[in-house]
Amino acid sequence: MKNLIFISCVFLFCGCIFTYDPPRGVIYIHNNSDEPIYVYNEYGHSDSLPLITLLAFFDLIDVNQTIEQTVGGIRKKPYLSNEEKVTTLFFFTEETIRNYDLEEIYKNQMFVKRVVLTQEELENSNWEYSYSP
């Protein structure tokens, strides 16, 4: 009887380990350029960079590095949680972030690239985007 309970617990425990799926979906952003870049993710369609108050909202992506940006859903089935089902990525050079304050970056819209991605495009690319200048 003890062996049956032990075996049942082992199977239950193993089943829990392999079925865990983190509660947040992600977009994988890879830097294919020759220099580090910063990225800001604005959920929804945006033609211009919004005023950002903290540098902490920017993610640094080193050369040939990939980062994760969280979105809705789970890792096996991520989704964009806004009504538009669109996200806008703004990319900045490391030089811009180091040499200008956030207000000046906003005022002059000093991003080097803006990319609008739909949920369908992200699903087709397996939730991955590769940055190249």
N, C-alpha and C. Protein backbone atom coordinates (compact mmCIF):
# COMPACT_ATOMS: atom_id res chain seq x y z
N MET A 1 0.83 -1.19 0.00
CA MET A 1 0.00 0.00 0.00
C MET A 1 0.87 1.26 0.00
N LYS A 2 1.96 1.23 0.83
CA LYS A 2 2.85 2.38 0.87
C LYS A 2 3.54 2.59 -0.47
N ASN A 3 3.90 1.49 -1.13
CA ASN A 3 4.53 1.59 -2.44
C ASN A 3 3.59 2.20 -3.47
N LEU A 4 2.32 1.84 -3.42
CA LEU A 4 1.33 2.37 -4.35
C LEU A 4 1.17 3.88 -4.15
N ILE A 5 1.11 4.32 -2.91
CA ILE A 5 0.99 5.75 -2.60
C ILE A 5 2.26 6.48 -3.07
N PHE A 6 3.44 5.91 -2.81
CA PHE A 6 4.69 6.52 -3.23
C PHE A 6 4.76 6.66 -4.75
N ILE A 7 4.42 5.62 -5.47
CA ILE A 7 4.45 5.64 -6.93
C ILE A 7 3.44 6.66 -7.47
N SER A 8 2.27 6.72 -6.87
CA SER A 8 1.25 7.69 -7.28
C SER A 8 1.76 9.12 -7.08
N CYS A 9 2.40 9.38 -5.97
CA CYS A 9 2.94 10.71 -5.69
C CYS A 9 4.05 11.08 -6.68
N VAL A 10 4.90 10.13 -7.01
CA VAL A 10 5.98 10.38 -7.97
C VAL A 10 5.40 10.75 -9.33
N PHE A 11 4.40 10.00 -9.81
CA PHE A 11 3.78 10.31 -11.10
C PHE A 11 3.08 11.66 -11.06
N LEU A 12 2.41 11.97 -9.98
CA LEU A 12 1.73 13.25 -9.84
C LEU A 12 2.74 14.39 -9.86
N PHE A 13 3.83 14.23 -9.14
CA PHE A 13 4.88 15.25 -9.08
C PHE A 13 5.53 15.44 -10.45
N CYS A 14 5.85 14.36 -11.14
CA CYS A 14 6.46 14.46 -12.48
C CYS A 14 5.51 15.12 -13.47
N GLY A 15 4.26 14.81 -13.36
CA GLY A 15 3.27 15.43 -14.25
C GLY A 15 3.18 16.93 -14.05
N CYS A 16 3.32 17.39 -12.83
CA CYS A 16 3.26 18.83 -12.54
C CYS A 16 4.48 19.55 -13.10
N ILE A 17 5.63 18.95 -13.04
CA ILE A 17 6.86 19.59 -13.52
C ILE A 17 6.79 19.82 -15.03
N PHE A 18 6.33 18.87 -15.79
CA PHE A 18 6.37 18.96 -17.23
C PHE A 18 5.19 19.70 -17.84
N THR A 19 4.19 20.03 -17.06
CA THR A 19 3.05 20.76 -17.61
C THR A 19 3.05 22.23 -17.20
N TYR A 20 4.06 22.68 -16.47
CA TYR A 20 4.08 24.07 -16.04
C TYR A 20 4.31 24.99 -17.23
N ASP A 21 3.51 26.02 -17.37
CA ASP A 21 3.66 27.02 -18.42
C ASP A 21 3.58 28.38 -17.74
N PRO A 22 4.65 29.17 -17.79
CA PRO A 22 4.63 30.46 -17.11
C PRO A 22 3.43 31.31 -17.52
N PRO A 23 2.94 32.16 -16.62
CA PRO A 23 1.70 32.89 -16.84
C PRO A 23 1.81 34.06 -17.81
N ARG A 24 2.98 34.35 -18.37
CA ARG A 24 3.12 35.46 -19.30
C ARG A 24 3.70 35.00 -20.61
N GLY A 25 3.14 35.49 -21.70
CA GLY A 25 3.71 35.24 -23.01
C GLY A 25 4.86 36.20 -23.25
N VAL A 26 5.66 35.93 -24.26
CA VAL A 26 6.81 36.79 -24.54
C VAL A 26 7.00 36.99 -26.04
N ILE A 27 7.63 38.14 -26.36
CA ILE A 27 8.16 38.42 -27.69
C ILE A 27 9.67 38.36 -27.54
N TYR A 28 10.33 37.62 -28.42
CA TYR A 28 11.79 37.54 -28.40
C TYR A 28 12.33 38.54 -29.41
N ILE A 29 13.19 39.44 -28.95
CA ILE A 29 13.78 40.45 -29.83
C ILE A 29 15.28 40.22 -29.87
N HIS A 30 15.79 40.00 -31.09
CA HIS A 30 17.21 39.70 -31.28
C HIS A 30 17.88 40.88 -31.99
N ASN A 31 19.09 41.25 -31.54
CA ASN A 31 19.86 42.33 -32.13
C ASN A 31 20.83 41.76 -33.17
N ASN A 32 20.57 42.03 -34.45
CA ASN A 32 21.44 41.59 -35.54
C ASN A 32 22.37 42.70 -36.02
N SER A 33 22.45 43.80 -35.29
CA SER A 33 23.31 44.90 -35.73
C SER A 33 24.71 44.76 -35.15
N ASP A 34 25.58 45.71 -35.50
CA ASP A 34 26.97 45.68 -35.05
C ASP A 34 27.19 46.46 -33.76
N GLU A 35 26.14 47.01 -33.18
CA GLU A 35 26.27 47.78 -31.96
C GLU A 35 25.10 47.51 -31.02
N PRO A 36 25.29 47.74 -29.72
CA PRO A 36 24.18 47.57 -28.78
C PRO A 36 23.06 48.56 -29.10
N ILE A 37 21.84 48.14 -28.85
CA ILE A 37 20.69 49.00 -29.07
C ILE A 37 19.79 48.96 -27.84
N TYR A 38 18.92 49.94 -27.76
CA TYR A 38 17.88 49.97 -26.74
C TYR A 38 16.54 49.85 -27.44
N VAL A 39 15.59 49.21 -26.78
CA VAL A 39 14.26 49.07 -27.35
C VAL A 39 13.22 49.49 -26.32
N TYR A 40 12.16 50.13 -26.82
CA TYR A 40 11.00 50.47 -26.00
C TYR A 40 9.78 49.88 -26.68
N ASN A 41 8.94 49.18 -25.94
CA ASN A 41 7.76 48.52 -26.48
C ASN A 41 6.52 49.30 -26.06
N GLU A 42 5.79 49.81 -27.05
CA GLU A 42 4.53 50.52 -26.81
C GLU A 42 3.40 49.63 -27.34
N TYR A 43 2.54 49.13 -26.44
CA TYR A 43 1.45 48.27 -26.87
C TYR A 43 0.41 49.10 -27.60
N GLY A 44 0.09 48.69 -28.80
CA GLY A 44 -0.81 49.44 -29.66
C GLY A 44 -0.02 50.09 -30.79
N HIS A 45 -0.74 50.70 -31.73
CA HIS A 45 -0.11 51.37 -32.86
C HIS A 45 0.25 52.80 -32.44
N SER A 46 1.50 53.18 -32.65
CA SER A 46 1.96 54.51 -32.28
C SER A 46 2.89 55.04 -33.35
N ASP A 47 2.56 56.23 -33.88
CA ASP A 47 3.41 56.86 -34.89
C ASP A 47 4.58 57.59 -34.28
N SER A 48 4.44 57.98 -33.02
CA SER A 48 5.53 58.72 -32.37
C SER A 48 5.79 58.14 -30.98
N LEU A 49 7.00 58.35 -30.54
CA LEU A 49 7.42 57.89 -29.21
C LEU A 49 6.70 58.69 -28.13
N PRO A 50 6.06 58.03 -27.16
CA PRO A 50 5.42 58.77 -26.06
C PRO A 50 6.48 59.29 -25.09
N LEU A 51 6.10 60.25 -24.26
CA LEU A 51 7.01 60.77 -23.24
C LEU A 51 7.20 59.69 -22.18
N ILE A 52 8.45 59.26 -22.01
CA ILE A 52 8.79 58.19 -21.08
C ILE A 52 9.56 58.82 -19.92
N THR A 53 9.19 58.51 -18.71
CA THR A 53 9.77 59.19 -17.55
C THR A 53 10.95 58.46 -16.94
N LEU A 54 11.09 57.17 -17.20
CA LEU A 54 12.18 56.40 -16.58
C LEU A 54 12.96 55.61 -17.63
N LEU A 55 14.25 55.64 -17.51
CA LEU A 55 15.11 54.88 -18.40
C LEU A 55 14.89 53.38 -18.21
N ALA A 56 14.34 52.99 -17.07
CA ALA A 56 14.11 51.57 -16.78
C ALA A 56 13.13 50.93 -17.77
N PHE A 57 12.35 51.73 -18.48
CA PHE A 57 11.40 51.18 -19.45
C PHE A 57 12.07 50.79 -20.77
N PHE A 58 13.35 51.13 -20.93
CA PHE A 58 14.11 50.77 -22.11
C PHE A 58 14.91 49.51 -21.80
N ASP A 59 14.97 48.59 -22.74
CA ASP A 59 15.77 47.38 -22.57
C ASP A 59 16.99 47.44 -23.47
N LEU A 60 18.16 47.17 -22.90
CA LEU A 60 19.40 47.12 -23.66
C LEU A 60 19.53 45.73 -24.29
N ILE A 61 19.85 45.71 -25.59
CA ILE A 61 20.10 44.45 -26.28
C ILE A 61 21.50 44.55 -26.86
N ASP A 62 22.40 43.75 -26.35
CA ASP A 62 23.78 43.76 -26.83
C ASP A 62 23.84 43.08 -28.20
N VAL A 63 24.98 43.19 -28.87
CA VAL A 63 25.18 42.58 -30.18
C VAL A 63 24.97 41.06 -30.08
N ASN A 64 24.19 40.52 -30.99
CA ASN A 64 23.86 39.09 -31.04
C ASN A 64 23.22 38.57 -29.75
N GLN A 65 22.50 39.41 -29.07
CA GLN A 65 21.79 39.02 -27.86
C GLN A 65 20.29 39.03 -28.13
N THR A 66 19.55 38.21 -27.42
CA THR A 66 18.10 38.17 -27.52
C THR A 66 17.51 38.47 -26.15
N ILE A 67 16.49 39.34 -26.12
CA ILE A 67 15.78 39.62 -24.88
C ILE A 67 14.32 39.18 -25.02
N GLU A 68 13.64 39.16 -23.89
CA GLU A 68 12.22 38.81 -23.87
C GLU A 68 11.42 40.02 -23.41
N GLN A 69 10.36 40.35 -24.13
CA GLN A 69 9.39 41.37 -23.74
C GLN A 69 8.10 40.64 -23.40
N THR A 70 7.54 40.89 -22.23
CA THR A 70 6.34 40.16 -21.85
C THR A 70 5.09 40.71 -22.52
N VAL A 71 4.19 39.81 -22.84
CA VAL A 71 2.87 40.15 -23.38
C VAL A 71 1.85 39.28 -22.66
N GLY A 72 0.61 39.34 -23.08
CA GLY A 72 -0.43 38.54 -22.44
C GLY A 72 -0.36 37.08 -22.82
N GLY A 73 -1.17 36.30 -22.17
CA GLY A 73 -1.23 34.87 -22.46
C GLY A 73 -0.20 34.08 -21.68
N ILE A 74 0.17 32.95 -22.24
CA ILE A 74 1.17 32.07 -21.64
C ILE A 74 2.24 31.82 -22.69
N ARG A 75 3.36 31.20 -22.29
CA ARG A 75 4.46 30.98 -23.26
C ARG A 75 4.03 30.11 -24.44
N LYS A 76 3.18 29.14 -24.20
CA LYS A 76 2.73 28.28 -25.30
C LYS A 76 1.73 28.99 -26.20
N LYS A 77 1.01 29.96 -25.67
CA LYS A 77 0.02 30.68 -26.46
C LYS A 77 -0.01 32.16 -26.04
N PRO A 78 1.02 32.92 -26.46
CA PRO A 78 1.03 34.35 -26.13
C PRO A 78 0.03 35.11 -27.01
N TYR A 79 -0.35 36.29 -26.57
CA TYR A 79 -1.22 37.15 -27.37
C TYR A 79 -1.02 38.60 -26.93
N LEU A 80 -1.36 39.52 -27.83
CA LEU A 80 -1.32 40.94 -27.51
C LEU A 80 -2.65 41.29 -26.86
N SER A 81 -2.59 41.84 -25.68
CA SER A 81 -3.81 42.03 -24.90
C SER A 81 -4.55 43.32 -25.20
N ASN A 82 -4.04 44.17 -26.10
CA ASN A 82 -4.78 45.39 -26.42
C ASN A 82 -5.81 45.10 -27.52
N GLU A 83 -6.74 46.03 -27.70
CA GLU A 83 -7.82 45.82 -28.67
C GLU A 83 -7.30 45.78 -30.10
N GLU A 84 -6.24 46.55 -30.39
CA GLU A 84 -5.72 46.62 -31.75
C GLU A 84 -4.96 45.36 -32.17
N LYS A 85 -4.51 44.56 -31.19
CA LYS A 85 -3.68 43.38 -31.46
C LYS A 85 -2.44 43.78 -32.23
N VAL A 86 -1.82 44.90 -31.79
CA VAL A 86 -0.63 45.46 -32.43
C VAL A 86 0.31 45.94 -31.34
N THR A 87 1.62 45.86 -31.60
CA THR A 87 2.61 46.45 -30.70
C THR A 87 3.61 47.24 -31.55
N THR A 88 4.14 48.33 -30.99
CA THR A 88 5.11 49.16 -31.68
C THR A 88 6.42 49.11 -30.93
N LEU A 89 7.49 48.79 -31.64
CA LEU A 89 8.83 48.75 -31.05
C LEU A 89 9.62 49.96 -31.55
N PHE A 90 10.21 50.70 -30.61
CA PHE A 90 11.07 51.82 -30.93
C PHE A 90 12.50 51.43 -30.57
N PHE A 91 13.42 51.63 -31.51
CA PHE A 91 14.82 51.27 -31.30
C PHE A 91 15.69 52.52 -31.25
N PHE A 92 16.69 52.50 -30.35
CA PHE A 92 17.58 53.63 -30.12
C PHE A 92 19.02 53.15 -30.09
N THR A 93 19.93 54.01 -30.53
CA THR A 93 21.35 53.67 -30.40
C THR A 93 21.77 53.90 -28.95
N GLU A 94 22.80 53.20 -28.56
CA GLU A 94 23.33 53.38 -27.21
C GLU A 94 23.84 54.81 -27.02
N GLU A 95 24.40 55.39 -28.07
CA GLU A 95 24.91 56.76 -28.01
C GLU A 95 23.78 57.75 -27.70
N THR A 96 22.64 57.58 -28.31
CA THR A 96 21.50 58.46 -28.06
C THR A 96 21.06 58.39 -26.60
N ILE A 97 20.92 57.19 -26.07
CA ILE A 97 20.47 57.03 -24.69
C ILE A 97 21.49 57.61 -23.71
N ARG A 98 22.76 57.46 -24.00
CA ARG A 98 23.81 57.97 -23.09
C ARG A 98 23.98 59.48 -23.15
N ASN A 99 23.73 60.09 -24.33
CA ASN A 99 24.06 61.50 -24.50
C ASN A 99 22.89 62.47 -24.41
N TYR A 100 21.68 61.97 -24.37
CA TYR A 100 20.51 62.86 -24.34
C TYR A 100 19.58 62.43 -23.21
N ASP A 101 18.87 63.41 -22.65
CA ASP A 101 17.91 63.05 -21.61
C ASP A 101 16.59 62.61 -22.27
N LEU A 102 15.73 61.98 -21.51
CA LEU A 102 14.51 61.39 -22.06
C LEU A 102 13.58 62.43 -22.67
N GLU A 103 13.54 63.61 -22.09
CA GLU A 103 12.67 64.67 -22.62
C GLU A 103 13.14 65.10 -24.01
N GLU A 104 14.44 65.22 -24.19
CA GLU A 104 14.98 65.60 -25.49
C GLU A 104 14.77 64.49 -26.51
N ILE A 105 14.93 63.25 -26.10
CA ILE A 105 14.68 62.12 -26.99
C ILE A 105 13.22 62.13 -27.44
N TYR A 106 12.30 62.42 -26.52
CA TYR A 106 10.88 62.50 -26.85
C TYR A 106 10.59 63.68 -27.77
N LYS A 107 11.11 64.83 -27.42
CA LYS A 107 10.84 66.06 -28.18
C LYS A 107 11.31 65.92 -29.63
N ASN A 108 12.48 65.35 -29.83
CA ASN A 108 13.05 65.23 -31.17
C ASN A 108 12.80 63.86 -31.82
N GLN A 109 12.06 62.98 -31.13
CA GLN A 109 11.74 61.65 -31.65
C GLN A 109 13.00 60.99 -32.20
N MET A 110 13.98 60.80 -31.33
CA MET A 110 15.32 60.38 -31.72
C MET A 110 15.50 58.87 -31.84
N PHE A 111 14.48 58.14 -32.22
CA PHE A 111 14.64 56.71 -32.42
C PHE A 111 15.20 56.46 -33.81
N VAL A 112 15.93 55.36 -33.98
CA VAL A 112 16.52 55.03 -35.28
C VAL A 112 15.61 54.15 -36.12
N LYS A 113 14.69 53.48 -35.45
CA LYS A 113 13.76 52.61 -36.18
C LYS A 113 12.50 52.41 -35.36
N ARG A 114 11.38 52.41 -36.07
CA ARG A 114 10.08 52.12 -35.44
C ARG A 114 9.46 50.97 -36.23
N VAL A 115 9.01 49.94 -35.52
CA VAL A 115 8.43 48.77 -36.17
C VAL A 115 7.08 48.49 -35.53
N VAL A 116 6.05 48.35 -36.36
CA VAL A 116 4.72 47.98 -35.88
C VAL A 116 4.49 46.53 -36.26
N LEU A 117 4.20 45.71 -35.25
CA LEU A 117 3.99 44.28 -35.46
C LEU A 117 2.57 43.89 -35.05
N THR A 118 1.90 43.17 -35.92
CA THR A 118 0.56 42.68 -35.58
C THR A 118 0.68 41.32 -34.90
N GLN A 119 -0.38 40.93 -34.24
CA GLN A 119 -0.37 39.62 -33.59
C GLN A 119 -0.19 38.51 -34.64
N GLU A 120 -0.79 38.67 -35.80
CA GLU A 120 -0.66 37.67 -36.86
C GLU A 120 0.80 37.55 -37.33
N GLU A 121 1.48 38.69 -37.50
CA GLU A 121 2.89 38.66 -37.91
C GLU A 121 3.74 37.97 -36.84
N LEU A 122 3.47 38.27 -35.58
CA LEU A 122 4.23 37.65 -34.49
C LEU A 122 3.97 36.15 -34.42
N GLU A 123 2.73 35.74 -34.60
CA GLU A 123 2.42 34.31 -34.59
C GLU A 123 3.14 33.60 -35.73
N ASN A 124 3.19 34.24 -36.92
CA ASN A 124 3.87 33.63 -38.07
C ASN A 124 5.38 33.53 -37.87
N SER A 125 5.95 34.41 -37.06
CA SER A 125 7.39 34.39 -36.81
C SER A 125 7.72 33.71 -35.49
N ASN A 126 6.75 32.99 -34.91
CA ASN A 126 6.94 32.31 -33.63
C ASN A 126 7.31 33.29 -32.52
N TRP A 127 6.71 34.48 -32.56
CA TRP A 127 6.88 35.52 -31.55
C TRP A 127 8.33 35.98 -31.43
N GLU A 128 9.00 36.05 -32.59
CA GLU A 128 10.39 36.51 -32.63
C GLU A 128 10.51 37.67 -33.61
N TYR A 129 11.35 38.65 -33.28
CA TYR A 129 11.66 39.75 -34.18
C TYR A 129 13.17 39.97 -34.14
N SER A 130 13.78 40.10 -35.31
CA SER A 130 15.22 40.35 -35.38
C SER A 130 15.45 41.78 -35.86
N TYR A 131 16.12 42.57 -35.04
CA TYR A 131 16.43 43.96 -35.38
C TYR A 131 17.67 44.01 -36.28
N SER A 132 17.56 44.74 -37.35
CA SER A 132 18.71 45.08 -38.18
C SER A 132 18.51 46.52 -38.64
N PRO A 133 19.58 47.30 -38.69
CA PRO A 133 19.43 48.72 -39.04
C PRO A 133 18.99 48.92 -40.49
